[in-house]
Amino acid sequence: MKKLLIAPLAVAALALAGFVPSASGPATVKGEDMATVAATANCKSLTALSTVHVRKSASTRSTSLRLWYKGTKGCDIKGVDGGSYRNTCGIDSYHYWRKVNYRGTVGYVPNVCVKYS
């Protein structure tokens, strides 16, 4: 019975992380991408405290991949030290970010803009 449940969970975790097998061959996951898949499978739920940009890297100058809307949930992957940000989510200045998976987009948000839910 347990074996029947593991395969769908693994496929779901891969799909959430954006790794979907293609018809041309098997999907491969390497290095840090594998850590992202594992962290997403063991999701620690986060809720956005305000609408924030999910960024490509931990910097306000980095490309915005999408918006994470206030009150919606995503998955925490890990905390990282990055570029400083100012006047964000009620904090004057800070530099800590969260690597997250929000609806299949993996990126970075200011730590002060999310809370564990």
PDB file of N, CA and C in Angstrom:
ATOM      1  N   MET A   1       0.822  -1.200   0.000  1.00  0.00           N
ATOM      2  CA  MET A   1       0.000   0.000   0.000  1.00  0.00           C
ATOM      3  C   MET A   1       0.864   1.260   0.000  1.00  0.00           C
ATOM      4  N   LYS A   2       1.948   1.269   0.834  1.00  0.00           N
ATOM      5  CA  LYS A   2       2.811   2.441   0.897  1.00  0.00           C
ATOM      6  C   LYS A   2       3.479   2.700  -0.446  1.00  0.00           C
ATOM      7  N   LYS A   3       3.875   1.648  -1.160  1.00  0.00           N
ATOM      8  CA  LYS A   3       4.535   1.820  -2.449  1.00  0.00           C
ATOM      9  C   LYS A   3       3.604   2.478  -3.462  1.00  0.00           C
ATOM     10  N   LEU A   4       2.321   2.216  -3.358  1.00  0.00           N
ATOM     11  CA  LEU A   4       1.359   2.807  -4.278  1.00  0.00           C
ATOM     12  C   LEU A   4       1.238   4.311  -4.063  1.00  0.00           C
ATOM     13  N   LEU A   5       1.484   4.788  -2.845  1.00  0.00           N
ATOM     14  CA  LEU A   5       1.354   6.211  -2.546  1.00  0.00           C
ATOM     15  C   LEU A   5       2.628   6.996  -2.827  1.00  0.00           C
ATOM     16  N   ILE A   6       3.773   6.355  -2.817  1.00  0.00           N
ATOM     17  CA  ILE A   6       5.040   7.055  -2.995  1.00  0.00           C
ATOM     18  C   ILE A   6       5.200   7.610  -4.404  1.00  0.00           C
ATOM     19  N   ALA A   7       4.892   6.832  -5.420  1.00  0.00           N
ATOM     20  CA  ALA A   7       5.068   7.276  -6.806  1.00  0.00           C
ATOM     21  C   ALA A   7       4.270   8.537  -7.125  1.00  0.00           C
ATOM     22  N   PRO A   8       2.971   8.605  -6.789  1.00  0.00           N
ATOM     23  CA  PRO A   8       2.232   9.838  -7.085  1.00  0.00           C
ATOM     24  C   PRO A   8       2.775  11.051  -6.326  1.00  0.00           C
ATOM     25  N   LEU A   9       3.244  10.843  -5.101  1.00  0.00           N
ATOM     26  CA  LEU A   9       3.822  11.953  -4.341  1.00  0.00           C
ATOM     27  C   LEU A   9       5.107  12.455  -4.993  1.00  0.00           C
ATOM     28  N   ALA A  10       5.923  11.542  -5.465  1.00  0.00           N
ATOM     29  CA  ALA A  10       7.173  11.929  -6.128  1.00  0.00           C
ATOM     30  C   ALA A  10       6.880  12.702  -7.417  1.00  0.00           C
ATOM     31  N   VAL A  11       5.926  12.231  -8.190  1.00  0.00           N
ATOM     32  CA  VAL A  11       5.554  12.912  -9.429  1.00  0.00           C
ATOM     33  C   VAL A  11       4.993  14.296  -9.122  1.00  0.00           C
ATOM     34  N   ALA A  12       4.174  14.411  -8.077  1.00  0.00           N
ATOM     35  CA  ALA A  12       3.599  15.702  -7.698  1.00  0.00           C
ATOM     36  C   ALA A  12       4.696  16.671  -7.261  1.00  0.00           C
ATOM     37  N   ALA A  13       5.659  16.187  -6.483  1.00  0.00           N
ATOM     38  CA  ALA A  13       6.769  17.046  -6.035  1.00  0.00           C
ATOM     39  C   ALA A  13       7.587  17.526  -7.223  1.00  0.00           C
ATOM     40  N   LEU A  14       7.846  16.651  -8.160  1.00  0.00           N
ATOM     41  CA  LEU A  14       8.599  17.046  -9.355  1.00  0.00           C
ATOM     42  C   LEU A  14       7.823  18.070 -10.180  1.00  0.00           C
ATOM     43  N   ALA A  15       6.528  17.870 -10.300  1.00  0.00           N
ATOM     44  CA  ALA A  15       5.704  18.800 -11.068  1.00  0.00           C
ATOM     45  C   ALA A  15       5.663  20.177 -10.398  1.00  0.00           C
ATOM     46  N   LEU A  16       5.555  20.210  -9.052  1.00  0.00           N
ATOM     47  CA  LEU A  16       5.555  21.477  -8.333  1.00  0.00           C
ATOM     48  C   LEU A  16       6.863  22.231  -8.539  1.00  0.00           C
ATOM     49  N   ALA A  17       7.952  21.503  -8.614  1.00  0.00           N
ATOM     50  CA  ALA A  17       9.258  22.133  -8.790  1.00  0.00           C
ATOM     51  C   ALA A  17       9.540  22.458 -10.255  1.00  0.00           C
ATOM     52  N   GLY A  18       8.650  22.075 -11.155  1.00  0.00           N
ATOM     53  CA  GLY A  18       8.816  22.393 -12.565  1.00  0.00           C
ATOM     54  C   GLY A  18       9.579  21.344 -13.354  1.00  0.00           C
ATOM     55  N   PHE A  19       9.761  20.168 -12.781  1.00  0.00           N
ATOM     56  CA  PHE A  19      10.455  19.091 -13.473  1.00  0.00           C
ATOM     57  C   PHE A  19       9.431  18.062 -13.916  1.00  0.00           C
ATOM     58  N   VAL A  20       9.037  18.151 -15.160  1.00  0.00           N
ATOM     59  CA  VAL A  20       8.035  17.245 -15.701  1.00  0.00           C
ATOM     60  C   VAL A  20       8.697  16.421 -16.797  1.00  0.00           C
ATOM     61  N   PRO A  21       8.567  15.094 -16.733  1.00  0.00           N
ATOM     62  CA  PRO A  21       9.181  14.267 -17.766  1.00  0.00           C
ATOM     63  C   PRO A  21       8.646  14.618 -19.147  1.00  0.00           C
ATOM     64  N   SER A  22       9.508  14.541 -20.149  1.00  0.00           N
ATOM     65  CA  SER A  22       9.073  14.829 -21.508  1.00  0.00           C
ATOM     66  C   SER A  22       9.002  13.535 -22.307  1.00  0.00           C
ATOM     67  N   ALA A  23       8.370  13.603 -23.462  1.00  0.00           N
ATOM     68  CA  ALA A  23       8.244  12.431 -24.305  1.00  0.00           C
ATOM     69  C   ALA A  23       9.584  12.052 -24.930  1.00  0.00           C
ATOM     70  N   SER A  24      10.531  12.984 -24.953  1.00  0.00           N
ATOM     71  CA  SER A  24      11.815  12.718 -25.593  1.00  0.00           C
ATOM     72  C   SER A  24      12.766  11.912 -24.724  1.00  0.00           C
ATOM     73  N   GLY A  25      12.454  11.750 -23.453  1.00  0.00           N
ATOM     74  CA  GLY A  25      13.335  10.968 -22.588  1.00  0.00           C
ATOM     75  C   GLY A  25      13.051  11.258 -21.132  1.00  0.00           C
ATOM     76  N   PRO A  26      13.765  10.564 -20.247  1.00  0.00           N
ATOM     77  CA  PRO A  26      13.505  10.747 -18.824  1.00  0.00           C
ATOM     78  C   PRO A  26      13.993  12.109 -18.340  1.00  0.00           C
ATOM     79  N   ALA A  27      13.309  12.645 -17.334  1.00  0.00           N
ATOM     80  CA  ALA A  27      13.719  13.913 -16.738  1.00  0.00           C
ATOM     81  C   ALA A  27      14.886  13.651 -15.804  1.00  0.00           C
ATOM     82  N   THR A  28      15.832  14.555 -15.798  1.00  0.00           N
ATOM     83  CA  THR A  28      16.955  14.432 -14.883  1.00  0.00           C
ATOM     84  C   THR A  28      16.971  15.630 -13.947  1.00  0.00           C
ATOM     85  N   VAL A  29      17.288  15.370 -12.700  1.00  0.00           N
ATOM     86  CA  VAL A  29      17.350  16.404 -11.690  1.00  0.00           C
ATOM     87  C   VAL A  29      18.724  16.314 -11.052  1.00  0.00           C
ATOM     88  N   LYS A  30      19.446  17.440 -10.990  1.00  0.00           N
ATOM     89  CA  LYS A  30      20.813  17.430 -10.492  1.00  0.00           C
ATOM     90  C   LYS A  30      20.999  18.429  -9.356  1.00  0.00           C
ATOM     91  N   GLY A  31      22.018  18.200  -8.547  1.00  0.00           N
ATOM     92  CA  GLY A  31      22.527  19.138  -7.560  1.00  0.00           C
ATOM     93  C   GLY A  31      21.485  19.873  -6.762  1.00  0.00           C
ATOM     94  N   GLU A  32      21.550  21.202  -6.820  1.00  0.00           N
ATOM     95  CA  GLU A  32      20.656  22.038  -6.031  1.00  0.00           C
ATOM     96  C   GLU A  32      19.202  21.852  -6.442  1.00  0.00           C
ATOM     97  N   ASP A  33      18.950  21.506  -7.725  1.00  0.00           N
ATOM     98  CA  ASP A  33      17.576  21.254  -8.159  1.00  0.00           C
ATOM     99  C   ASP A  33      16.970  20.097  -7.380  1.00  0.00           C
ATOM    100  N   MET A  34      17.769  19.077  -7.105  1.00  0.00           N
ATOM    101  CA  MET A  34      17.280  17.928  -6.337  1.00  0.00           C
ATOM    102  C   MET A  34      16.947  18.354  -4.912  1.00  0.00           C
ATOM    103  N   ALA A  35      17.765  19.229  -4.331  1.00  0.00           N
ATOM    104  CA  ALA A  35      17.479  19.736  -2.993  1.00  0.00           C
ATOM    105  C   ALA A  35      16.166  20.518  -2.993  1.00  0.00           C
ATOM    106  N   THR A  36      15.902  21.257  -4.067  1.00  0.00           N
ATOM    107  CA  THR A  36      14.649  22.001  -4.188  1.00  0.00           C
ATOM    108  C   THR A  36      13.463  21.052  -4.242  1.00  0.00           C
ATOM    109  N   VAL A  37      13.581  19.978  -5.011  1.00  0.00           N
ATOM    110  CA  VAL A  37      12.506  18.981  -5.103  1.00  0.00           C
ATOM    111  C   VAL A  37      12.250  18.358  -3.741  1.00  0.00           C
ATOM    112  N   ALA A  38      13.315  17.977  -3.039  1.00  0.00           N
ATOM    113  CA  ALA A  38      13.165  17.358  -1.727  1.00  0.00           C
ATOM    114  C   ALA A  38      12.529  18.317  -0.734  1.00  0.00           C
ATOM    115  N   ALA A  39      12.950  19.582  -0.747  1.00  0.00           N
ATOM    116  CA  ALA A  39      12.389  20.570   0.170  1.00  0.00           C
ATOM    117  C   ALA A  39      10.916  20.822  -0.132  1.00  0.00           C
ATOM    118  N   THR A  40      10.551  20.835  -1.392  1.00  0.00           N
ATOM    119  CA  THR A  40       9.158  21.049  -1.773  1.00  0.00           C
ATOM    120  C   THR A  40       8.295  19.874  -1.335  1.00  0.00           C
ATOM    121  N   ALA A  41       8.845  18.662  -1.428  1.00  0.00           N
ATOM    122  CA  ALA A  41       8.094  17.477  -1.010  1.00  0.00           C
ATOM    123  C   ALA A  41       7.823  17.526   0.486  1.00  0.00           C
ATOM    124  N   ASN A  42       8.745  18.112   1.261  1.00  0.00           N
ATOM    125  CA  ASN A  42       8.578  18.260   2.705  1.00  0.00           C
ATOM    126  C   ASN A  42       8.229  19.709   3.025  1.00  0.00           C
ATOM    127  N   CYS A  43       7.238  20.232   2.370  1.00  0.00           N
ATOM    128  CA  CYS A  43       6.893  21.656   2.395  1.00  0.00           C
ATOM    129  C   CYS A  43       6.568  22.168   3.796  1.00  0.00           C
ATOM    130  N   LYS A  44       7.254  23.269   4.159  1.00  0.00           N
ATOM    131  CA  LYS A  44       6.875  24.053   5.326  1.00  0.00           C
ATOM    132  C   LYS A  44       6.086  25.222   4.759  1.00  0.00           C
ATOM    133  N   SER A  45       4.822  25.276   5.083  1.00  0.00           N
ATOM    134  CA  SER A  45       3.921  26.247   4.478  1.00  0.00           C
ATOM    135  C   SER A  45       4.206  27.677   4.958  1.00  0.00           C
ATOM    136  N   LEU A  46       4.247  28.599   3.999  1.00  0.00           N
ATOM    137  CA  LEU A  46       4.404  30.027   4.265  1.00  0.00           C
ATOM    138  C   LEU A  46       3.204  30.773   3.716  1.00  0.00           C
ATOM    139  N   THR A  47       2.846  31.867   4.366  1.00  0.00           N
ATOM    140  CA  THR A  47       1.780  32.743   3.890  1.00  0.00           C
ATOM    141  C   THR A  47       2.375  34.129   3.657  1.00  0.00           C
ATOM    142  N   ALA A  48       2.038  34.738   2.535  1.00  0.00           N
ATOM    143  CA  ALA A  48       2.521  36.085   2.226  1.00  0.00           C
ATOM    144  C   ALA A  48       1.773  37.111   3.073  1.00  0.00           C
ATOM    145  N   LEU A  49       2.531  38.021   3.711  1.00  0.00           N
ATOM    146  CA  LEU A  49       1.935  39.075   4.537  1.00  0.00           C
ATOM    147  C   LEU A  49       1.484  40.266   3.708  1.00  0.00           C
ATOM    148  N   SER A  50       2.041  40.392   2.518  1.00  0.00           N
ATOM    149  CA  SER A  50       1.614  41.395   1.547  1.00  0.00           C
ATOM    150  C   SER A  50       1.964  40.844   0.169  1.00  0.00           C
ATOM    151  N   THR A  51       1.498  41.483  -0.876  1.00  0.00           N
ATOM    152  CA  THR A  51       1.830  41.032  -2.222  1.00  0.00           C
ATOM    153  C   THR A  51       3.289  41.390  -2.496  1.00  0.00           C
ATOM    154  N   VAL A  52       4.095  40.379  -2.866  1.00  0.00           N
ATOM    155  CA  VAL A  52       5.530  40.578  -3.093  1.00  0.00           C
ATOM    156  C   VAL A  52       5.956  39.931  -4.407  1.00  0.00           C
ATOM    157  N   HIS A  53       7.095  40.375  -4.928  1.00  0.00           N
ATOM    158  CA  HIS A  53       7.680  39.782  -6.120  1.00  0.00           C
ATOM    159  C   HIS A  53       8.484  38.552  -5.731  1.00  0.00           C
ATOM    160  N   VAL A  54       8.297  37.446  -6.440  1.00  0.00           N
ATOM    161  CA  VAL A  54       9.165  36.277  -6.327  1.00  0.00           C
ATOM    162  C   VAL A  54      10.276  36.527  -7.342  1.00  0.00           C
ATOM    163  N   ARG A  55      11.514  36.646  -6.845  1.00  0.00           N
ATOM    164  CA  ARG A  55      12.625  37.064  -7.698  1.00  0.00           C
ATOM    165  C   ARG A  55      13.562  35.923  -8.051  1.00  0.00           C
ATOM    166  N   LYS A  56      14.279  36.090  -9.152  1.00  0.00           N
ATOM    167  CA  LYS A  56      15.200  35.074  -9.662  1.00  0.00           C
ATOM    168  C   LYS A  56      16.380  34.848  -8.714  1.00  0.00           C
ATOM    169  N   SER A  57      16.847  35.893  -8.057  1.00  0.00           N
ATOM    170  CA  SER A  57      17.908  35.775  -7.054  1.00  0.00           C
ATOM    171  C   SER A  57      17.547  36.659  -5.863  1.00  0.00           C
ATOM    172  N   ALA A  58      18.323  36.556  -4.790  1.00  0.00           N
ATOM    173  CA  ALA A  58      18.020  37.263  -3.546  1.00  0.00           C
ATOM    174  C   ALA A  58      18.487  38.713  -3.618  1.00  0.00           C
ATOM    175  N   SER A  59      17.836  39.483  -4.465  1.00  0.00           N
ATOM    176  CA  SER A  59      18.171  40.894  -4.651  1.00  0.00           C
ATOM    177  C   SER A  59      16.963  41.634  -5.215  1.00  0.00           C
ATOM    178  N   THR A  60      16.766  42.867  -4.771  1.00  0.00           N
ATOM    179  CA  THR A  60      15.653  43.663  -5.309  1.00  0.00           C
ATOM    180  C   THR A  60      15.905  44.063  -6.753  1.00  0.00           C
ATOM    181  N   ARG A  61      17.160  43.959  -7.210  1.00  0.00           N
ATOM    182  CA  ARG A  61      17.494  44.272  -8.606  1.00  0.00           C
ATOM    183  C   ARG A  61      17.317  43.068  -9.529  1.00  0.00           C
ATOM    184  N   SER A  62      17.032  41.926  -8.953  1.00  0.00           N
ATOM    185  CA  SER A  62      16.858  40.701  -9.728  1.00  0.00           C
ATOM    186  C   SER A  62      15.509  40.714 -10.456  1.00  0.00           C
ATOM    187  N   THR A  63      15.436  39.961 -11.521  1.00  0.00           N
ATOM    188  CA  THR A  63      14.210  39.843 -12.312  1.00  0.00           C
ATOM    189  C   THR A  63      13.073  39.276 -11.473  1.00  0.00           C
ATOM    190  N   SER A  64      11.899  39.879 -11.598  1.00  0.00           N
ATOM    191  CA  SER A  64      10.702  39.359 -10.939  1.00  0.00           C
ATOM    192  C   SER A  64      10.124  38.240 -11.791  1.00  0.00           C
ATOM    193  N   LEU A  65       9.944  37.072 -11.185  1.00  0.00           N
ATOM    194  CA  LEU A  65       9.395  35.922 -11.904  1.00  0.00           C
ATOM    195  C   LEU A  65       7.871  35.915 -11.891  1.00  0.00           C
ATOM    196  N   ARG A  66       7.289  36.404 -10.801  1.00  0.00           N
ATOM    197  CA  ARG A  66       5.839  36.488 -10.663  1.00  0.00           C
ATOM    198  C   ARG A  66       5.507  37.197  -9.371  1.00  0.00           C
ATOM    199  N   LEU A  67       4.241  37.495  -9.157  1.00  0.00           N
ATOM    200  CA  LEU A  67       3.787  38.071  -7.894  1.00  0.00           C
ATOM    201  C   LEU A  67       3.255  36.971  -6.988  1.00  0.00           C
ATOM    202  N   TRP A  68       3.523  37.107  -5.709  1.00  0.00           N
ATOM    203  CA  TRP A  68       2.952  36.225  -4.679  1.00  0.00           C
ATOM    204  C   TRP A  68       1.945  37.099  -3.936  1.00  0.00           C
ATOM    205  N   TYR A  69       0.672  36.740  -4.014  1.00  0.00           N
ATOM    206  CA  TYR A  69      -0.396  37.588  -3.506  1.00  0.00           C
ATOM    207  C   TYR A  69      -0.622  37.412  -2.009  1.00  0.00           C
ATOM    208  N   LYS A  70      -0.918  38.525  -1.361  1.00  0.00           N
ATOM    209  CA  LYS A  70      -1.157  38.564   0.085  1.00  0.00           C
ATOM    210  C   LYS A  70      -2.183  37.497   0.497  1.00  0.00           C
ATOM    211  N   GLY A  71      -1.846  36.770   1.564  1.00  0.00           N
ATOM    212  CA  GLY A  71      -2.763  35.781   2.125  1.00  0.00           C
ATOM    213  C   GLY A  71      -2.704  34.411   1.482  1.00  0.00           C
ATOM    214  N   THR A  72      -1.980  34.256   0.364  1.00  0.00           N
ATOM    215  CA  THR A  72      -1.880  32.946  -0.274  1.00  0.00           C
ATOM    216  C   THR A  72      -0.656  32.193   0.254  1.00  0.00           C
ATOM    217  N   LYS A  73      -0.668  30.880   0.064  1.00  0.00           N
ATOM    218  CA  LYS A  73       0.370  30.026   0.636  1.00  0.00           C
ATOM    219  C   LYS A  73       1.359  29.534  -0.409  1.00  0.00           C
ATOM    220  N   GLY A  74       2.570  29.289   0.046  1.00  0.00           N
ATOM    221  CA  GLY A  74       3.637  28.719  -0.754  1.00  0.00           C
ATOM    222  C   GLY A  74       4.486  27.823   0.122  1.00  0.00           C
ATOM    223  N   CYS A  75       5.564  27.293  -0.429  1.00  0.00           N
ATOM    224  CA  CYS A  75       6.448  26.380   0.300  1.00  0.00           C
ATOM    225  C   CYS A  75       7.803  27.026   0.569  1.00  0.00           C
ATOM    226  N   ASP A  76       8.272  26.892   1.805  1.00  0.00           N
ATOM    227  CA  ASP A  76       9.592  27.365   2.183  1.00  0.00           C
ATOM    228  C   ASP A  76      10.625  26.327   1.776  1.00  0.00           C
ATOM    229  N   ILE A  77      11.715  26.749   1.150  1.00  0.00           N
ATOM    230  CA  ILE A  77      12.807  25.847   0.793  1.00  0.00           C
ATOM    231  C   ILE A  77      13.987  26.066   1.729  1.00  0.00           C
ATOM    232  N   LYS A  78      14.464  27.326   1.820  1.00  0.00           N
ATOM    233  CA  LYS A  78      15.547  27.633   2.762  1.00  0.00           C
ATOM    234  C   LYS A  78      15.711  29.140   2.886  1.00  0.00           C
ATOM    235  N   GLY A  79      16.398  29.560   3.934  1.00  0.00           N
ATOM    236  CA  GLY A  79      16.720  30.962   4.136  1.00  0.00           C
ATOM    237  C   GLY A  79      18.085  31.261   3.552  1.00  0.00           C
ATOM    238  N   VAL A  80      18.243  32.459   3.012  1.00  0.00           N
ATOM    239  CA  VAL A  80      19.529  32.864   2.443  1.00  0.00           C
ATOM    240  C   VAL A  80      19.808  34.322   2.794  1.00  0.00           C
ATOM    241  N   ASP A  81      21.088  34.633   2.921  1.00  0.00           N
ATOM    242  CA  ASP A  81      21.518  36.003   3.107  1.00  0.00           C
ATOM    243  C   ASP A  81      21.712  36.593   1.719  1.00  0.00           C
ATOM    244  N   GLY A  82      21.145  37.749   1.476  1.00  0.00           N
ATOM    245  CA  GLY A  82      21.237  38.314   0.127  1.00  0.00           C
ATOM    246  C   GLY A  82      21.339  39.813   0.156  1.00  0.00           C
ATOM    247  N   GLY A  83      20.905  40.427  -0.926  1.00  0.00           N
ATOM    248  CA  GLY A  83      20.941  41.877  -1.046  1.00  0.00           C
ATOM    249  C   GLY A  83      19.994  42.532  -0.062  1.00  0.00           C
ATOM    250  N   SER A  84      20.357  43.720   0.405  1.00  0.00           N
ATOM    251  CA  SER A  84      19.507  44.407   1.371  1.00  0.00           C
ATOM    252  C   SER A  84      18.279  45.002   0.675  1.00  0.00           C
ATOM    253  N   TYR A  85      17.229  45.153   1.450  1.00  0.00           N
ATOM    254  CA  TYR A  85      16.012  45.792   0.955  1.00  0.00           C
ATOM    255  C   TYR A  85      15.552  46.798   1.998  1.00  0.00           C
ATOM    256  N   ARG A  86      14.849  47.823   1.538  1.00  0.00           N
ATOM    257  CA  ARG A  86      14.410  48.898   2.422  1.00  0.00           C
ATOM    258  C   ARG A  86      12.918  49.119   2.294  1.00  0.00           C
ATOM    259  N   ASN A  87      12.334  49.542   3.398  1.00  0.00           N
ATOM    260  CA  ASN A  87      10.911  49.878   3.442  1.00  0.00           C
ATOM    261  C   ASN A  87      10.059  48.778   2.814  1.00  0.00           C
ATOM    262  N   THR A  88      10.325  47.557   3.217  1.00  0.00           N
ATOM    263  CA  THR A  88       9.605  46.406   2.689  1.00  0.00           C
ATOM    264  C   THR A  88       8.800  45.753   3.808  1.00  0.00           C
ATOM    265  N   CYS A  89       7.521  45.601   3.599  1.00  0.00           N
ATOM    266  CA  CYS A  89       6.628  44.930   4.542  1.00  0.00           C
ATOM    267  C   CYS A  89       6.759  45.484   5.959  1.00  0.00           C
ATOM    268  N   GLY A  90       6.939  46.801   6.053  1.00  0.00           N
ATOM    269  CA  GLY A  90       6.984  47.456   7.359  1.00  0.00           C
ATOM    270  C   GLY A  90       8.349  47.455   8.037  1.00  0.00           C
ATOM    271  N   ILE A  91       9.397  46.960   7.383  1.00  0.00           N
ATOM    272  CA  ILE A  91      10.739  46.928   7.956  1.00  0.00           C
ATOM    273  C   ILE A  91      11.607  47.959   7.230  1.00  0.00           C
ATOM    274  N   ASP A  92      12.339  48.779   7.992  1.00  0.00           N
ATOM    275  CA  ASP A  92      13.167  49.837   7.397  1.00  0.00           C
ATOM    276  C   ASP A  92      14.259  49.278   6.493  1.00  0.00           C
ATOM    277  N   SER A  93      15.049  48.318   6.996  1.00  0.00           N
ATOM    278  CA  SER A  93      16.149  47.773   6.209  1.00  0.00           C
ATOM    279  C   SER A  93      16.510  46.386   6.741  1.00  0.00           C
ATOM    280  N   TYR A  94      16.716  45.437   5.824  1.00  0.00           N
ATOM    281  CA  TYR A  94      17.069  44.071   6.207  1.00  0.00           C
ATOM    282  C   TYR A  94      17.671  43.388   4.991  1.00  0.00           C
ATOM    283  N   HIS A  95      18.242  42.194   5.166  1.00  0.00           N
ATOM    284  CA  HIS A  95      18.957  41.527   4.076  1.00  0.00           C
ATOM    285  C   HIS A  95      18.717  40.016   4.004  1.00  0.00           C
ATOM    286  N   TYR A  96      17.779  39.490   4.759  1.00  0.00           N
ATOM    287  CA  TYR A  96      17.553  38.049   4.755  1.00  0.00           C
ATOM    288  C   TYR A  96      16.374  37.710   3.846  1.00  0.00           C
ATOM    289  N   TRP A  97      16.517  36.650   3.058  1.00  0.00           N
ATOM    290  CA  TRP A  97      15.532  36.235   2.068  1.00  0.00           C
ATOM    291  C   TRP A  97      15.127  34.787   2.308  1.00  0.00           C
ATOM    292  N   ARG A  98      13.994  34.374   1.753  1.00  0.00           N
ATOM    293  CA  ARG A  98      13.550  32.979   1.763  1.00  0.00           C
ATOM    294  C   ARG A  98      13.517  32.492   0.322  1.00  0.00           C
ATOM    295  N   LYS A  99      14.112  31.319   0.087  1.00  0.00           N
ATOM    296  CA  LYS A  99      13.937  30.657  -1.200  1.00  0.00           C
ATOM    297  C   LYS A  99      12.633  29.888  -1.075  1.00  0.00           C
ATOM    298  N   VAL A 100      11.721  30.090  -2.008  1.00  0.00           N
ATOM    299  CA  VAL A 100      10.367  29.547  -1.910  1.00  0.00           C
ATOM    300  C   VAL A 100       9.921  28.896  -3.213  1.00  0.00           C
ATOM    301  N   ASN A 101       8.883  28.111  -3.105  1.00  0.00           N
ATOM    302  CA  ASN A 101       8.180  27.593  -4.275  1.00  0.00           C
ATOM    303  C   ASN A 101       6.755  28.089  -4.139  1.00  0.00           C
ATOM    304  N   TYR A 102       6.385  29.004  -5.014  1.00  0.00           N
ATOM    305  CA  TYR A 102       5.023  29.537  -5.011  1.00  0.00           C
ATOM    306  C   TYR A 102       4.349  29.138  -6.317  1.00  0.00           C
ATOM    307  N   ARG A 103       3.411  28.216  -6.216  1.00  0.00           N
ATOM    308  CA  ARG A 103       2.644  27.732  -7.366  1.00  0.00           C
ATOM    309  C   ARG A 103       3.532  27.318  -8.542  1.00  0.00           C
ATOM    310  N   GLY A 104       4.619  26.585  -8.209  1.00  0.00           N
ATOM    311  CA  GLY A 104       5.507  26.061  -9.233  1.00  0.00           C
ATOM    312  C   GLY A 104       6.656  26.971  -9.626  1.00  0.00           C
ATOM    313  N   THR A 105       6.661  28.197  -9.135  1.00  0.00           N
ATOM    314  CA  THR A 105       7.768  29.115  -9.411  1.00  0.00           C
ATOM    315  C   THR A 105       8.708  29.121  -8.213  1.00  0.00           C
ATOM    316  N   VAL A 106       9.969  28.762  -8.451  1.00  0.00           N
ATOM    317  CA  VAL A 106      10.973  28.762  -7.388  1.00  0.00           C
ATOM    318  C   VAL A 106      11.762  30.056  -7.495  1.00  0.00           C
ATOM    319  N   GLY A 107      11.809  30.802  -6.397  1.00  0.00           N
ATOM    320  CA  GLY A 107      12.520  32.066  -6.380  1.00  0.00           C
ATOM    321  C   GLY A 107      12.688  32.563  -4.961  1.00  0.00           C
ATOM    322  N   TYR A 108      12.956  33.860  -4.829  1.00  0.00           N
ATOM    323  CA  TYR A 108      13.296  34.453  -3.544  1.00  0.00           C
ATOM    324  C   TYR A 108      12.353  35.597  -3.201  1.00  0.00           C
ATOM    325  N   VAL A 109      11.984  35.679  -1.915  1.00  0.00           N
ATOM    326  CA  VAL A 109      11.159  36.778  -1.400  1.00  0.00           C
ATOM    327  C   VAL A 109      11.802  37.302  -0.118  1.00  0.00           C
ATOM    328  N   PRO A 110      11.586  38.583   0.197  1.00  0.00           N
ATOM    329  CA  PRO A 110      12.100  39.113   1.469  1.00  0.00           C
ATOM    330  C   PRO A 110      11.526  38.308   2.658  1.00  0.00           C
ATOM    331  N   ASN A 111      12.408  37.945   3.565  1.00  0.00           N
ATOM    332  CA  ASN A 111      12.022  37.148   4.724  1.00  0.00           C
ATOM    333  C   ASN A 111      10.897  37.794   5.545  1.00  0.00           C
ATOM    334  N   VAL A 112      10.912  39.124   5.640  1.00  0.00           N
ATOM    335  CA  VAL A 112       9.941  39.821   6.477  1.00  0.00           C
ATOM    336  C   VAL A 112       8.539  39.866   5.858  1.00  0.00           C
ATOM    337  N   CYS A 113       8.401  39.426   4.625  1.00  0.00           N
ATOM    338  CA  CYS A 113       7.107  39.482   3.937  1.00  0.00           C
ATOM    339  C   CYS A 113       6.330  38.185   3.984  1.00  0.00           C
ATOM    340  N   VAL A 114       6.878  37.166   4.668  1.00  0.00           N
ATOM    341  CA  VAL A 114       6.188  35.880   4.779  1.00  0.00           C
ATOM    342  C   VAL A 114       6.235  35.407   6.227  1.00  0.00           C
ATOM    343  N   LYS A 115       5.292  34.536   6.564  1.00  0.00           N
ATOM    344  CA  LYS A 115       5.286  33.926   7.899  1.00  0.00           C
ATOM    345  C   LYS A 115       4.912  32.457   7.752  1.00  0.00           C
ATOM    346  N   TYR A 116       5.387  31.641   8.688  1.00  0.00           N
ATOM    347  CA  TYR A 116       5.017  30.221   8.677  1.00  0.00           C
ATOM    348  C   TYR A 116       3.549  30.104   9.032  1.00  0.00           C
ATOM    349  N   SER A 117       2.853  29.231   8.298  1.00  0.00           N
ATOM    350  CA  SER A 117       1.413  29.072   8.540  1.00  0.00           C
ATOM    351  C   SER A 117       1.063  27.626   8.838  1.00  0.00           C
TER     352      SER A 117
END
